[in-house]
Amino acid sequence: MKKILQFLFEHKSLTRAMAKDVLLNIGKGLYNEHEITSFMTVYLMRSVTIEELQGFRDALLELCVPVRLEADNLVDIVGTGGDGKNTFNISTLACFIVAGAGQKVAKHGNYGASSISGASNVMEQLGYRFKNDPAALKKEVAETNICFLHAPMFHPALKVVAPIRKNLGMRTFFNMLGPMVNPATPSCQVVGVYSLEMARVYNYLLQQTGGAFTIIHSLDGYDEISLTSDAKVITNEGEQLLTPEQMGKRMVQPSDIYGGNSVEEAAKIFLKILDGKGSWAQNAVVLANAAMALKSTGNYKTYEDAYHAAVESLESGKARNTLKKLVELQ
């Protein structure tokens, strides 16, 4: 690692092969925490290159515990995190609305490293038990349309760096990797990113996969449709700028989508929204993200059709029932 660090301290960037080797070695436990922290800190001081990101992804996928869920047209909705906005768990809630609408979901997530409550925090609080047993995960998807894939159970390198990321409490390049290494390889990905630069990087990388994708960036810095500003939406077909009114009927305030001060608070907000008792603004934001995901699958002709399906899933109780059934299977 000393040679790699010296190389990086000279303002050089890694080749794809070099980046892959470093992350393979991290996953194998060959470096100590101080070396790994130093390595991660380099990328707090400069942007990660596309080659480096590709190498990091190659390593995670090589070490990954794959899971075949044997379900067609799987979708994942995930934010990179690290936007520093501390919203409630919008992407995870949207996943349950999408599943309630009949769409199969393989949600990939992790504990919050730079936020109070990541997807894994809230799922654990709600009674979900993390697992990497393919038979159990297949059963969940078959019976509830959704399963949750806790990233460290499938990616050894992410398990190694988890405590370091938590101690740093800052956005690192690992935030960027999560959405690209879902072990179920969903055919459709909806990815929220915290910057336009990151949106361009993801656009390049996801074009290489050949799958359907939608990249979302709210121009005021949220890594999801926040309805607090216009959002850049990039798909396989191109890109567009959409207003809060187009996506969710009207604009909301940042205070409307605050996520609370603890995992317990985050879980209470989560259940309140699924129970149909969320505020107008909370519902609107979740529905907009769910609608964008449903539209991305290609099963709906228009965004309005997808939005109506999302509303029906939430208001009929199907989304809430999906969570109830999933927890009962644990």
Protein backbone atom coordinates (compact mmCIF):
# COMPACT_ATOMS: atom_id res chain seq x y z
CA MET A 1 0.00 0.00 0.00
CA LYS A 2 2.91 2.41 0.70
CA LYS A 3 3.88 2.40 -2.99
CA ILE A 4 0.28 3.05 -4.04
CA LEU A 5 -0.07 5.91 -1.57
CA GLN A 6 3.21 7.48 -2.69
CA PHE A 7 2.02 7.20 -6.29
CA LEU A 8 -1.28 8.94 -5.43
CA PHE A 9 0.43 11.63 -3.32
CA GLU A 10 2.33 12.60 -6.49
CA HIS A 11 -1.05 13.57 -7.99
CA LYS A 12 -1.17 10.54 -10.27
CA SER A 13 -4.26 8.45 -10.86
CA LEU A 14 -4.55 4.66 -10.87
CA THR A 15 -5.14 2.58 -13.96
CA ARG A 16 -8.20 0.35 -13.98
CA ALA A 17 -6.03 -2.69 -13.20
CA MET A 18 -4.21 -0.94 -10.32
CA ALA A 19 -7.49 0.23 -8.80
CA LYS A 20 -8.88 -3.29 -9.02
CA ASP A 21 -5.81 -4.75 -7.29
CA VAL A 22 -6.04 -2.29 -4.38
CA LEU A 23 -9.69 -3.06 -3.71
CA LEU A 24 -9.13 -6.82 -4.06
CA ASN A 25 -6.41 -6.52 -1.42
CA ILE A 26 -8.69 -4.48 0.85
CA GLY A 27 -11.34 -7.21 0.53
CA LYS A 28 -8.74 -9.86 1.43
CA GLY A 29 -7.74 -7.95 4.57
CA LEU A 30 -4.15 -7.27 3.44
CA TYR A 31 -4.06 -3.63 4.64
CA ASN A 32 -4.48 -2.13 8.09
CA GLU A 33 -7.13 0.48 8.88
CA HIS A 34 -4.64 3.39 8.79
CA GLU A 35 -3.53 2.46 5.27
CA ILE A 36 -7.14 2.15 4.11
CA THR A 37 -8.09 5.46 5.73
CA SER A 38 -5.16 7.18 3.99
CA PHE A 39 -6.21 5.65 0.68
CA MET A 40 -9.83 6.78 1.08
CA THR A 41 -8.70 10.27 2.12
CA VAL A 42 -6.97 10.80 -1.23
CA TYR A 43 -10.41 10.72 -2.86
CA LEU A 44 -11.77 13.26 -0.42
CA MET A 45 -9.19 15.66 -1.85
CA ARG A 46 -9.74 14.94 -5.54
CA SER A 47 -12.34 13.35 -7.79
CA VAL A 48 -12.15 9.66 -8.57
CA THR A 49 -11.50 9.02 -12.28
CA ILE A 50 -13.75 6.82 -14.41
CA GLU A 51 -10.89 4.31 -14.81
CA GLU A 52 -10.43 4.11 -11.05
CA LEU A 53 -14.14 3.69 -10.47
CA GLN A 54 -14.29 0.93 -13.08
CA GLY A 55 -11.39 -0.85 -11.39
CA PHE A 56 -13.00 -0.56 -7.96
CA ARG A 57 -16.25 -1.94 -9.37
CA ASP A 58 -14.42 -4.81 -11.12
CA ALA A 59 -12.90 -5.83 -7.78
CA LEU A 60 -16.18 -5.68 -5.84
CA LEU A 61 -17.94 -7.75 -8.50
CA GLU A 62 -15.12 -10.32 -8.57
CA LEU A 63 -15.29 -10.77 -4.78
CA CYS A 64 -19.08 -10.51 -4.67
CA VAL A 65 -21.36 -13.28 -3.40
CA PRO A 66 -23.78 -13.37 -6.37
CA VAL A 67 -27.47 -14.09 -5.94
CA ARG A 68 -29.80 -15.28 -8.69
CA LEU A 69 -33.37 -14.38 -7.78
CA GLU A 70 -34.86 -15.87 -10.96
CA ALA A 71 -37.26 -12.95 -11.37
CA ASP A 72 -37.77 -11.00 -14.59
CA ASN A 73 -37.39 -7.24 -14.90
CA LEU A 74 -35.94 -6.64 -11.42
CA VAL A 75 -35.54 -3.01 -10.40
CA ASP A 76 -33.46 -1.28 -7.73
CA ILE A 77 -33.93 2.29 -6.47
CA VAL A 78 -30.86 3.59 -4.69
CA GLY A 79 -29.21 6.89 -3.86
CA THR A 80 -25.46 7.22 -3.61
CA GLY A 81 -25.95 8.93 -0.25
CA GLY A 82 -23.50 11.51 0.96
CA ASP A 83 -25.63 14.49 -0.05
CA GLY A 84 -25.60 15.68 3.57
CA LYS A 85 -29.33 16.46 3.48
CA ASN A 86 -30.55 13.97 6.13
CA THR A 87 -33.86 13.19 4.44
CA PHE A 88 -36.08 10.32 5.53
CA ASN A 89 -35.56 7.01 3.69
CA ILE A 90 -37.14 8.08 0.41
CA SER A 91 -35.61 5.46 -1.92
CA THR A 92 -36.43 2.56 0.42
CA LEU A 93 -40.03 3.74 0.85
CA ALA A 94 -40.33 4.11 -2.93
CA CYS A 95 -39.19 0.48 -3.27
CA PHE A 96 -42.15 -0.72 -1.17
CA ILE A 97 -44.59 1.37 -3.21
CA VAL A 98 -43.10 -0.08 -6.42
CA ALA A 99 -43.35 -3.63 -5.00
CA GLY A 100 -46.94 -2.92 -3.91
CA ALA A 101 -47.68 -2.00 -7.53
CA GLY A 102 -46.61 -5.52 -8.59
CA GLN A 103 -43.05 -4.80 -9.70
CA LYS A 104 -40.22 -7.09 -8.51
CA VAL A 105 -37.57 -5.21 -6.48
CA ALA A 106 -34.06 -6.20 -5.36
CA LYS A 107 -33.13 -3.35 -3.02
CA HIS A 108 -29.39 -3.03 -2.38
CA GLY A 109 -28.42 -0.96 0.66
CA ASN A 110 -26.09 -0.34 3.55
CA TYR A 111 -25.87 1.36 6.93
CA GLY A 112 -25.61 5.15 6.75
CA ALA A 113 -21.94 6.17 6.72
CA SER A 114 -22.53 9.91 6.38
CA SER A 115 -26.23 10.00 7.34
CA ILE A 116 -28.19 9.11 10.47
CA SER A 117 -30.27 6.36 8.92
CA GLY A 118 -29.23 4.44 5.83
CA ALA A 119 -31.46 1.85 4.15
CA SER A 120 -29.99 -0.97 6.25
CA ASN A 121 -30.50 0.96 9.49
CA VAL A 122 -34.21 1.46 8.86
CA MET A 123 -34.81 -2.06 7.49
CA GLU A 124 -33.16 -3.59 10.56
CA GLN A 125 -35.22 -1.33 12.84
CA LEU A 126 -38.41 -2.45 11.06
CA GLY A 127 -37.63 -6.12 11.77
CA TYR A 128 -35.90 -7.30 8.60
CA ARG A 129 -33.14 -9.88 9.09
CA PHE A 130 -30.16 -9.54 6.75
CA LYS A 131 -29.28 -12.67 4.81
CA ASN A 132 -27.44 -13.89 1.71
CA ASP A 133 -29.25 -17.22 1.42
CA PRO A 134 -30.54 -17.38 -2.19
CA ALA A 135 -33.50 -19.64 -1.34
CA ALA A 136 -34.79 -17.28 1.36
CA LEU A 137 -34.31 -14.21 -0.85
CA LYS A 138 -36.07 -15.89 -3.80
CA LYS A 139 -38.99 -16.71 -1.50
CA GLU A 140 -39.25 -13.09 -0.38
CA VAL A 141 -39.35 -11.83 -3.97
CA ALA A 142 -41.85 -14.52 -5.01
CA GLU A 143 -44.23 -13.82 -2.10
CA THR A 144 -43.82 -10.07 -1.53
CA ASN A 145 -42.18 -8.74 -4.76
CA ILE A 146 -39.20 -7.43 -2.78
CA CYS A 147 -36.05 -8.49 -0.95
CA PHE A 148 -33.30 -6.48 0.71
CA LEU A 149 -29.62 -7.09 0.02
CA HIS A 150 -27.42 -5.73 2.83
CA ALA A 151 -24.23 -4.83 0.95
CA PRO A 152 -21.58 -6.06 3.47
CA MET A 153 -23.09 -9.58 3.37
CA PHE A 154 -22.31 -9.77 -0.35
CA HIS A 155 -19.18 -7.63 -0.62
CA PRO A 156 -16.20 -8.52 1.64
CA ALA A 157 -14.43 -5.23 0.88
CA LEU A 158 -17.45 -3.22 2.04
CA LYS A 159 -17.49 -5.18 5.29
CA VAL A 160 -13.81 -4.36 5.88
CA VAL A 161 -14.25 -0.61 5.30
CA ALA A 162 -17.61 -0.21 7.09
CA PRO A 163 -16.18 0.85 10.49
CA ILE A 164 -13.67 3.18 8.81
CA ARG A 165 -16.41 4.86 6.76
CA LYS A 166 -18.54 5.26 9.87
CA ASN A 167 -15.67 6.82 11.81
CA LEU A 168 -14.87 9.20 8.96
CA GLY A 169 -18.54 10.16 8.70
CA MET A 170 -17.94 11.67 5.25
CA ARG A 171 -18.86 10.82 1.71
CA THR A 172 -16.23 8.60 0.09
CA PHE A 173 -15.90 6.86 -3.28
CA PHE A 174 -17.66 3.86 -1.72
CA ASN A 175 -20.88 5.90 -1.89
CA MET A 176 -20.45 5.92 -5.65
CA LEU A 177 -19.83 2.18 -5.89
CA GLY A 178 -22.90 0.87 -4.03
CA PRO A 179 -25.46 1.40 -6.81
CA MET A 180 -23.18 -0.26 -9.39
CA VAL A 181 -22.61 -3.55 -7.57
CA ASN A 182 -26.07 -4.90 -6.73
CA PRO A 183 -25.40 -8.67 -6.43
CA ALA A 184 -28.76 -9.49 -8.05
CA THR A 185 -27.81 -7.54 -11.22
CA PRO A 186 -31.26 -5.96 -11.73
CA SER A 187 -32.25 -5.26 -15.31
CA CYS A 188 -33.38 -1.73 -14.40
CA GLN A 189 -31.61 0.71 -12.09
CA VAL A 190 -32.80 4.03 -10.71
CA VAL A 191 -29.82 5.85 -9.22
CA GLY A 192 -29.87 9.15 -7.35
CA VAL A 193 -26.60 11.12 -7.36
CA TYR A 194 -25.45 14.17 -5.38
CA SER A 195 -23.76 16.13 -8.21
CA LEU A 196 -23.97 16.71 -11.95
CA GLU A 197 -20.38 15.49 -12.28
CA MET A 198 -21.41 12.19 -10.71
CA ALA A 199 -24.44 12.02 -13.00
CA ARG A 200 -22.15 12.21 -16.03
CA VAL A 201 -19.86 9.48 -14.63
CA TYR A 202 -22.82 7.18 -13.97
CA ASN A 203 -24.26 7.88 -17.41
CA TYR A 204 -21.01 6.70 -18.97
CA LEU A 205 -20.70 3.61 -16.74
CA LEU A 206 -24.34 2.51 -16.96
CA GLN A 207 -24.33 2.89 -20.76
CA GLN A 208 -21.69 0.11 -20.76
CA THR A 209 -23.96 -2.34 -18.92
CA GLY A 210 -26.69 -2.39 -21.57
CA GLY A 211 -29.45 -2.37 -18.95
CA ALA A 212 -32.23 0.19 -18.49
CA PHE A 213 -31.33 3.02 -16.14
CA THR A 214 -32.52 6.36 -14.82
CA ILE A 215 -30.13 8.76 -13.10
CA ILE A 216 -31.62 11.50 -10.93
CA HIS A 217 -30.02 14.63 -9.52
CA SER A 218 -31.97 17.45 -7.88
CA LEU A 219 -30.17 20.65 -8.78
CA ASP A 220 -30.02 21.82 -5.17
CA GLY A 221 -27.91 18.78 -4.25
CA TYR A 222 -30.31 15.97 -3.30
CA ASP A 223 -29.53 12.45 -4.56
CA GLU A 224 -33.20 11.75 -5.36
CA ILE A 225 -36.30 13.55 -6.60
CA SER A 226 -36.72 15.96 -3.69
CA LEU A 227 -39.35 18.28 -5.24
CA THR A 228 -37.38 21.12 -3.62
CA SER A 229 -35.99 22.15 -7.03
CA ASP A 230 -35.82 21.07 -10.66
CA ALA A 231 -34.18 17.70 -11.27
CA LYS A 232 -31.90 16.47 -14.04
CA VAL A 233 -33.14 13.06 -15.22
CA ILE A 234 -30.87 11.00 -17.48
CA THR A 235 -31.99 7.73 -19.09
CA ASN A 236 -30.83 5.44 -21.91
CA GLU A 237 -32.81 7.69 -24.26
CA GLY A 238 -31.28 11.01 -23.22
CA GLU A 239 -31.68 13.68 -20.57
CA GLN A 240 -34.24 16.25 -19.50
CA LEU A 241 -34.84 18.82 -16.80
CA LEU A 242 -38.11 18.30 -14.90
CA THR A 243 -39.84 20.67 -12.49
CA PRO A 244 -41.34 19.70 -9.10
CA GLU A 245 -44.76 20.44 -10.61
CA GLN A 246 -44.17 17.94 -13.45
CA MET A 247 -42.95 15.21 -11.10
CA GLY A 248 -45.02 15.71 -7.95
CA LYS A 249 -47.70 18.35 -8.63
CA ARG A 250 -46.00 21.10 -6.57
CA MET A 251 -42.78 22.16 -4.86
CA VAL A 252 -41.99 21.20 -1.25
CA GLN A 253 -39.63 22.70 1.35
CA PRO A 254 -36.43 21.01 2.64
CA SER A 255 -37.91 20.96 6.15
CA ASP A 256 -40.82 18.85 4.81
CA ILE A 257 -38.55 15.90 4.01
CA TYR A 258 -36.29 15.94 7.08
CA GLY A 259 -35.42 12.45 8.32
CA GLY A 260 -35.25 12.90 12.09
CA ASN A 261 -32.40 12.63 14.57
CA SER A 262 -32.22 8.86 15.10
CA VAL A 263 -32.86 5.53 13.42
CA GLU A 264 -35.94 5.14 15.65
CA GLU A 265 -37.35 8.44 14.38
CA ALA A 266 -36.57 7.44 10.79
CA ALA A 267 -38.49 4.16 11.25
CA LYS A 268 -41.47 6.01 12.74
CA ILE A 269 -41.59 8.36 9.73
CA PHE A 270 -41.28 5.33 7.42
CA LEU A 271 -44.27 3.55 8.98
CA LYS A 272 -46.31 6.73 9.23
CA ILE A 273 -46.01 7.29 5.48
CA LEU A 274 -46.74 3.65 4.60
CA ASP A 275 -49.77 3.77 6.92
CA GLY A 276 -51.17 6.62 4.82
CA LYS A 277 -50.58 9.20 7.56
CA GLY A 278 -47.67 11.03 5.96
CA SER A 279 -47.86 14.74 5.16
CA TRP A 280 -48.79 15.85 1.66
CA ALA A 281 -45.14 16.74 0.98
CA GLN A 282 -43.75 13.42 2.30
CA ASN A 283 -46.21 11.44 0.19
CA ALA A 284 -45.53 13.54 -2.91
CA VAL A 285 -41.77 13.00 -2.75
CA VAL A 286 -42.05 9.25 -2.23
CA LEU A 287 -44.66 8.89 -4.98
CA ALA A 288 -42.54 10.86 -7.45
CA ASN A 289 -39.54 8.58 -6.89
CA ALA A 290 -41.69 5.45 -7.10
CA ALA A 291 -43.36 6.71 -10.27
CA MET A 292 -39.99 7.41 -11.90
CA ALA A 293 -38.90 3.84 -11.07
CA LEU A 294 -42.12 2.31 -12.42
CA LYS A 295 -41.80 4.36 -15.61
CA SER A 296 -38.18 3.20 -15.98
CA THR A 297 -39.22 -0.46 -16.13
CA GLY A 298 -40.94 0.14 -19.46
CA ASN A 299 -44.27 -1.21 -18.18
CA TYR A 300 -46.02 2.18 -18.29
CA LYS A 301 -46.56 4.35 -21.34
CA THR A 302 -46.38 7.68 -19.53
CA TYR A 303 -45.09 9.09 -16.26
CA GLU A 304 -48.70 9.94 -15.32
CA ASP A 305 -49.70 6.28 -15.67
CA ALA A 306 -46.80 5.27 -13.43
CA TYR A 307 -47.70 8.00 -10.92
CA HIS A 308 -51.30 6.76 -10.70
CA ALA A 309 -50.02 3.20 -10.10
CA ALA A 310 -47.80 4.49 -7.28
CA VAL A 311 -50.69 6.41 -5.70
CA GLU A 312 -52.90 3.32 -5.87
CA SER A 313 -50.18 1.18 -4.23
CA LEU A 314 -49.84 3.60 -1.30
CA GLU A 315 -53.48 4.56 -0.80
CA SER A 316 -54.86 1.02 -1.11
CA GLY A 317 -52.47 -0.25 1.58
CA LYS A 318 -50.65 -2.58 -0.84
CA ALA A 319 -47.28 -0.97 -0.08
CA ARG A 320 -47.85 -1.29 3.68
CA ASN A 321 -48.99 -4.90 3.27
CA THR A 322 -45.80 -5.64 1.32
CA LEU A 323 -43.68 -4.60 4.30
CA LYS A 324 -45.93 -6.50 6.71
CA LYS A 325 -45.61 -9.74 4.69
CA LEU A 326 -41.85 -9.28 4.29
CA VAL A 327 -41.31 -8.88 8.04
CA GLU A 328 -43.52 -11.92 8.75
CA LEU A 329 -41.21 -14.03 6.57
CA GLN A 330 -38.18 -13.28 8.77
